[in-house]
Amino acid sequence: MTAKPPDEQTIRARLQARRAELRTRQVRVERDRGHTEEPLVADFAEQALQTQNDAVLEGIDGAALAEIAQIDAALTRLDEGHYGTCGRCRQPIDPQRLLAVPQAVLCVSCAGSAARG
């Protein structure tokens, strides 16, 4: 039995909610990276730890931006009427995959072959 595809409003709402969550996270990360609330300390060893944390924050920020771009692309596919179609084989993406990863652009089969090389 194949699951019923999620309706467009549900998917759009989930994508928009996740996008808002990521934007909030990104604002907090930018604030932390800018040291506006907690400036760099005078102690060199502590500064080294703070700048090391900045590298981690930069990675988090980059991941958030990448996911936001994927969400924006999924919203565009919704607007253009081809959401849920695999970008490689043009077959429908399994509804369960879309529920799990609403911004998915590839079906499970194509995603697996892309990951293998």
N, C-alpha and C. Protein backbone atom coordinates (compact mmCIF):
# COMPACT_ATOMS: atom_id res chain seq x y z
N MET A 1 0.83 -1.18 0.00
CA MET A 1 0.00 0.00 0.00
C MET A 1 0.88 1.25 0.00
N THR A 2 0.67 2.13 -0.93
CA THR A 2 1.43 3.36 -1.04
C THR A 2 0.78 4.46 -0.22
N ALA A 3 1.60 5.21 0.50
CA ALA A 3 1.07 6.30 1.32
C ALA A 3 0.57 7.42 0.42
N LYS A 4 -0.45 8.11 0.90
CA LYS A 4 -1.00 9.24 0.17
C LYS A 4 0.00 10.40 0.23
N PRO A 5 0.23 11.07 -0.88
CA PRO A 5 1.16 12.20 -0.87
C PRO A 5 0.65 13.29 0.08
N PRO A 6 1.56 13.94 0.80
CA PRO A 6 1.14 15.03 1.67
C PRO A 6 0.56 16.17 0.84
N ASP A 7 -0.45 16.85 1.39
CA ASP A 7 -1.05 17.93 0.62
C ASP A 7 -0.10 19.15 0.61
N GLU A 8 -0.27 19.96 -0.42
CA GLU A 8 0.61 21.10 -0.66
C GLU A 8 0.64 22.07 0.52
N GLN A 9 -0.50 22.33 1.12
CA GLN A 9 -0.55 23.28 2.25
C GLN A 9 0.26 22.77 3.43
N THR A 10 0.16 21.48 3.71
CA THR A 10 0.90 20.89 4.82
C THR A 10 2.40 20.98 4.57
N ILE A 11 2.81 20.62 3.37
CA ILE A 11 4.24 20.68 3.02
C ILE A 11 4.73 22.12 3.07
N ARG A 12 4.00 23.03 2.48
CA ARG A 12 4.41 24.44 2.48
C ARG A 12 4.55 24.95 3.91
N ALA A 13 3.60 24.62 4.77
CA ALA A 13 3.65 25.07 6.17
C ALA A 13 4.87 24.48 6.89
N ARG A 14 5.14 23.21 6.64
CA ARG A 14 6.31 22.58 7.27
C ARG A 14 7.61 23.21 6.79
N LEU A 15 7.69 23.45 5.48
CA LEU A 15 8.90 24.08 4.94
C LEU A 15 9.08 25.49 5.49
N GLN A 16 8.02 26.26 5.54
CA GLN A 16 8.11 27.63 6.04
C GLN A 16 8.45 27.66 7.54
N ALA A 17 7.89 26.73 8.30
CA ALA A 17 8.21 26.66 9.73
C ALA A 17 9.68 26.32 9.95
N ARG A 18 10.18 25.35 9.18
CA ARG A 18 11.59 24.97 9.30
C ARG A 18 12.50 26.12 8.87
N ARG A 19 12.11 26.84 7.83
CA ARG A 19 12.89 27.99 7.36
C ARG A 19 12.96 29.05 8.44
N ALA A 20 11.84 29.34 9.09
CA ALA A 20 11.81 30.33 10.17
C ALA A 20 12.69 29.89 11.34
N GLU A 21 12.64 28.61 11.67
CA GLU A 21 13.48 28.07 12.74
C GLU A 21 14.97 28.25 12.41
N LEU A 22 15.33 27.95 11.17
CA LEU A 22 16.73 28.09 10.75
C LEU A 22 17.17 29.55 10.74
N ARG A 23 16.29 30.44 10.32
CA ARG A 23 16.63 31.88 10.32
C ARG A 23 16.86 32.36 11.75
N THR A 24 16.03 31.91 12.69
CA THR A 24 16.22 32.28 14.09
C THR A 24 17.56 31.77 14.60
N ARG A 25 17.88 30.53 14.26
CA ARG A 25 19.17 29.96 14.66
C ARG A 25 20.31 30.76 14.05
N GLN A 26 20.16 31.12 12.80
CA GLN A 26 21.21 31.86 12.11
C GLN A 26 21.44 33.22 12.77
N VAL A 27 20.39 33.90 13.18
CA VAL A 27 20.52 35.20 13.85
C VAL A 27 21.29 35.02 15.16
N ARG A 28 20.96 33.98 15.92
CA ARG A 28 21.66 33.72 17.18
C ARG A 28 23.14 33.41 16.94
N VAL A 29 23.41 32.62 15.90
CA VAL A 29 24.80 32.27 15.59
C VAL A 29 25.57 33.52 15.19
N GLU A 30 24.99 34.35 14.36
CA GLU A 30 25.65 35.59 13.95
C GLU A 30 25.94 36.48 15.15
N ARG A 31 24.98 36.56 16.06
CA ARG A 31 25.16 37.36 17.27
C ARG A 31 26.32 36.79 18.09
N ASP A 32 26.36 35.48 18.25
CA ASP A 32 27.43 34.84 19.02
C ASP A 32 28.78 35.00 18.34
N ARG A 33 28.79 34.88 17.03
CA ARG A 33 30.06 35.05 16.28
C ARG A 33 30.56 36.47 16.35
N GLY A 34 29.65 37.43 16.44
CA GLY A 34 30.05 38.83 16.52
C GLY A 34 30.47 39.27 17.90
N HIS A 35 30.29 38.38 18.88
CA HIS A 35 30.66 38.68 20.26
C HIS A 35 30.04 39.98 20.76
N THR A 36 28.80 40.23 20.35
CA THR A 36 28.13 41.46 20.78
C THR A 36 27.66 41.38 22.22
N GLU A 37 27.26 40.19 22.67
CA GLU A 37 26.80 40.05 24.05
C GLU A 37 27.89 39.56 24.98
N GLU A 38 28.89 38.90 24.43
CA GLU A 38 29.98 38.37 25.23
C GLU A 38 31.28 38.64 24.47
N PRO A 39 31.88 39.83 24.68
CA PRO A 39 33.09 40.18 23.93
C PRO A 39 34.25 39.25 24.25
N LEU A 40 35.24 39.25 23.36
CA LEU A 40 36.43 38.44 23.59
C LEU A 40 37.09 38.85 24.90
N VAL A 41 37.53 37.85 25.66
CA VAL A 41 38.18 38.12 26.94
C VAL A 41 39.63 38.51 26.70
N ALA A 42 40.26 39.07 27.73
CA ALA A 42 41.65 39.53 27.60
C ALA A 42 42.64 38.37 27.62
N ASP A 43 42.31 37.30 28.31
CA ASP A 43 43.21 36.16 28.43
C ASP A 43 43.38 35.46 27.09
N PHE A 44 44.64 35.28 26.65
CA PHE A 44 44.93 34.71 25.34
C PHE A 44 44.37 33.29 25.20
N ALA A 45 44.53 32.45 26.24
CA ALA A 45 44.04 31.07 26.18
C ALA A 45 42.52 31.04 26.02
N GLU A 46 41.84 31.91 26.74
CA GLU A 46 40.38 31.99 26.63
C GLU A 46 39.97 32.49 25.24
N GLN A 47 40.75 33.45 24.71
CA GLN A 47 40.46 33.94 23.36
C GLN A 47 40.60 32.82 22.34
N ALA A 48 41.59 31.96 22.53
CA ALA A 48 41.79 30.83 21.61
C ALA A 48 40.56 29.92 21.63
N LEU A 49 40.03 29.66 22.83
CA LEU A 49 38.82 28.84 22.93
C LEU A 49 37.63 29.53 22.26
N GLN A 50 37.51 30.83 22.49
CA GLN A 50 36.39 31.56 21.89
C GLN A 50 36.48 31.54 20.36
N THR A 51 37.67 31.72 19.82
CA THR A 51 37.79 31.72 18.36
C THR A 51 37.61 30.30 17.81
N GLN A 52 37.99 29.30 18.59
CA GLN A 52 37.73 27.92 18.17
C GLN A 52 36.22 27.69 18.11
N ASN A 53 35.50 28.21 19.07
CA ASN A 53 34.04 28.11 19.06
C ASN A 53 33.46 28.84 17.85
N ASP A 54 34.11 29.93 17.44
CA ASP A 54 33.64 30.66 16.26
C ASP A 54 33.67 29.78 15.02
N ALA A 55 34.69 28.93 14.91
CA ALA A 55 34.78 28.02 13.76
C ALA A 55 33.61 27.04 13.77
N VAL A 56 33.23 26.55 14.94
CA VAL A 56 32.08 25.65 15.05
C VAL A 56 30.81 26.40 14.65
N LEU A 57 30.67 27.63 15.17
CA LEU A 57 29.50 28.44 14.85
C LEU A 57 29.42 28.72 13.35
N GLU A 58 30.56 28.93 12.72
CA GLU A 58 30.59 29.16 11.27
C GLU A 58 30.06 27.94 10.52
N GLY A 59 30.43 26.75 11.00
CA GLY A 59 29.92 25.52 10.38
C GLY A 59 28.42 25.38 10.54
N ILE A 60 27.92 25.72 11.73
CA ILE A 60 26.48 25.67 11.99
C ILE A 60 25.76 26.66 11.09
N ASP A 61 26.33 27.85 10.96
CA ASP A 61 25.74 28.88 10.11
C ASP A 61 25.70 28.43 8.66
N GLY A 62 26.79 27.84 8.19
CA GLY A 62 26.84 27.35 6.81
C GLY A 62 25.82 26.26 6.55
N ALA A 63 25.66 25.36 7.51
CA ALA A 63 24.67 24.28 7.36
C ALA A 63 23.26 24.85 7.32
N ALA A 64 23.00 25.85 8.17
CA ALA A 64 21.67 26.49 8.17
C ALA A 64 21.40 27.17 6.84
N LEU A 65 22.39 27.89 6.32
CA LEU A 65 22.21 28.56 5.03
C LEU A 65 21.97 27.56 3.91
N ALA A 66 22.68 26.44 3.93
CA ALA A 66 22.49 25.41 2.90
C ALA A 66 21.09 24.83 2.97
N GLU A 67 20.61 24.57 4.18
CA GLU A 67 19.26 24.01 4.31
C GLU A 67 18.20 25.03 3.91
N ILE A 68 18.44 26.29 4.23
CA ILE A 68 17.50 27.35 3.81
C ILE A 68 17.43 27.40 2.29
N ALA A 69 18.56 27.28 1.62
CA ALA A 69 18.57 27.28 0.15
C ALA A 69 17.78 26.09 -0.39
N GLN A 70 17.92 24.91 0.25
CA GLN A 70 17.16 23.73 -0.18
C GLN A 70 15.66 23.95 0.02
N ILE A 71 15.31 24.56 1.13
CA ILE A 71 13.90 24.84 1.42
C ILE A 71 13.34 25.84 0.40
N ASP A 72 14.11 26.88 0.11
CA ASP A 72 13.66 27.86 -0.88
C ASP A 72 13.44 27.20 -2.24
N ALA A 73 14.34 26.28 -2.60
CA ALA A 73 14.19 25.56 -3.87
C ALA A 73 12.94 24.69 -3.85
N ALA A 74 12.66 24.05 -2.71
CA ALA A 74 11.45 23.21 -2.60
C ALA A 74 10.20 24.08 -2.71
N LEU A 75 10.22 25.25 -2.09
CA LEU A 75 9.07 26.16 -2.19
C LEU A 75 8.87 26.62 -3.64
N THR A 76 9.96 26.84 -4.35
CA THR A 76 9.87 27.20 -5.77
C THR A 76 9.27 26.05 -6.57
N ARG A 77 9.70 24.81 -6.28
CA ARG A 77 9.13 23.65 -6.98
C ARG A 77 7.62 23.54 -6.70
N LEU A 78 7.22 23.84 -5.47
CA LEU A 78 5.79 23.85 -5.15
C LEU A 78 5.06 24.88 -6.00
N ASP A 79 5.63 26.10 -6.07
CA ASP A 79 5.02 27.18 -6.84
C ASP A 79 4.91 26.83 -8.33
N GLU A 80 5.92 26.13 -8.83
CA GLU A 80 5.96 25.81 -10.26
C GLU A 80 5.23 24.50 -10.61
N GLY A 81 4.75 23.80 -9.58
CA GLY A 81 3.96 22.60 -9.82
C GLY A 81 4.73 21.32 -10.05
N HIS A 82 6.01 21.27 -9.74
CA HIS A 82 6.73 20.01 -9.91
C HIS A 82 7.41 19.54 -8.64
N TYR A 83 6.84 19.93 -7.52
CA TYR A 83 7.31 19.42 -6.23
C TYR A 83 6.96 17.93 -6.14
N GLY A 84 7.87 17.15 -5.58
CA GLY A 84 7.61 15.73 -5.41
C GLY A 84 8.01 14.87 -6.59
N THR A 85 8.63 15.48 -7.60
CA THR A 85 9.13 14.75 -8.75
C THR A 85 10.65 14.71 -8.65
N CYS A 86 11.22 13.53 -8.81
CA CYS A 86 12.67 13.37 -8.71
C CYS A 86 13.38 14.22 -9.76
N GLY A 87 14.37 14.95 -9.34
CA GLY A 87 15.14 15.80 -10.24
C GLY A 87 16.03 15.04 -11.20
N ARG A 88 16.22 13.73 -10.97
CA ARG A 88 17.07 12.94 -11.84
C ARG A 88 16.24 12.05 -12.77
N CYS A 89 15.41 11.18 -12.19
CA CYS A 89 14.68 10.20 -13.01
C CYS A 89 13.27 10.66 -13.39
N ARG A 90 12.82 11.76 -12.81
CA ARG A 90 11.50 12.36 -13.09
C ARG A 90 10.32 11.52 -12.61
N GLN A 91 10.59 10.51 -11.77
CA GLN A 91 9.54 9.70 -11.18
C GLN A 91 9.08 10.37 -9.87
N PRO A 92 7.87 10.05 -9.41
CA PRO A 92 7.41 10.64 -8.15
C PRO A 92 8.30 10.20 -6.98
N ILE A 93 8.56 11.13 -6.08
CA ILE A 93 9.30 10.82 -4.86
C ILE A 93 8.29 10.23 -3.87
N ASP A 94 8.68 9.15 -3.21
CA ASP A 94 7.80 8.48 -2.25
C ASP A 94 7.28 9.48 -1.21
N PRO A 95 5.99 9.48 -0.97
CA PRO A 95 5.40 10.41 0.00
C PRO A 95 6.02 10.31 1.40
N GLN A 96 6.43 9.11 1.79
CA GLN A 96 7.08 8.95 3.10
C GLN A 96 8.41 9.70 3.15
N ARG A 97 9.11 9.71 2.04
CA ARG A 97 10.38 10.47 1.97
C ARG A 97 10.08 11.96 2.08
N LEU A 98 9.04 12.40 1.40
CA LEU A 98 8.70 13.83 1.45
C LEU A 98 8.24 14.25 2.84
N LEU A 99 7.59 13.34 3.56
CA LEU A 99 7.21 13.65 4.94
C LEU A 99 8.45 13.76 5.83
N ALA A 100 9.42 12.90 5.58
CA ALA A 100 10.65 12.90 6.38
C ALA A 100 11.58 14.04 5.99
N VAL A 101 11.71 14.28 4.69
CA VAL A 101 12.62 15.31 4.17
C VAL A 101 11.84 16.12 3.13
N PRO A 102 11.05 17.10 3.57
CA PRO A 102 10.18 17.81 2.63
C PRO A 102 10.93 18.55 1.52
N GLN A 103 12.20 18.84 1.73
CA GLN A 103 12.96 19.54 0.69
C GLN A 103 13.70 18.57 -0.25
N ALA A 104 13.42 17.28 -0.13
CA ALA A 104 14.09 16.28 -0.97
C ALA A 104 13.86 16.57 -2.45
N VAL A 105 14.93 16.47 -3.21
CA VAL A 105 14.85 16.71 -4.65
C VAL A 105 15.04 15.42 -5.44
N LEU A 106 15.52 14.37 -4.76
CA LEU A 106 15.74 13.08 -5.41
C LEU A 106 14.95 11.99 -4.71
N CYS A 107 14.51 10.99 -5.47
CA CYS A 107 13.88 9.82 -4.88
C CYS A 107 14.95 9.02 -4.13
N VAL A 108 14.53 8.05 -3.35
CA VAL A 108 15.47 7.26 -2.56
C VAL A 108 16.49 6.56 -3.46
N SER A 109 16.02 5.99 -4.56
CA SER A 109 16.90 5.27 -5.46
C SER A 109 17.99 6.19 -6.05
N CYS A 110 17.57 7.34 -6.55
CA CYS A 110 18.54 8.26 -7.15
C CYS A 110 19.46 8.88 -6.09
N ALA A 111 18.93 9.16 -4.90
CA ALA A 111 19.75 9.69 -3.81
C ALA A 111 20.81 8.68 -3.42
N GLY A 112 20.43 7.40 -3.39
CA GLY A 112 21.39 6.35 -3.06
C GLY A 112 22.48 6.22 -4.10
N SER A 113 22.11 6.28 -5.37
CA SER A 113 23.13 6.17 -6.41
C SER A 113 24.00 7.41 -6.46
N ALA A 114 23.46 8.57 -6.12
CA ALA A 114 24.26 9.80 -6.08
C ALA A 114 25.27 9.73 -4.94
N ALA A 115 24.87 9.14 -3.82
CA ALA A 115 25.76 9.03 -2.66
C ALA A 115 26.89 8.03 -2.92
N ARG A 116 26.60 7.01 -3.73
CA ARG A 116 27.62 6.00 -4.03
C ARG A 116 28.63 6.47 -5.05
N GLY A 117 28.31 7.55 -5.71
CA GLY A 117 29.32 8.04 -6.59
C GLY A 117 28.94 8.32 -7.95
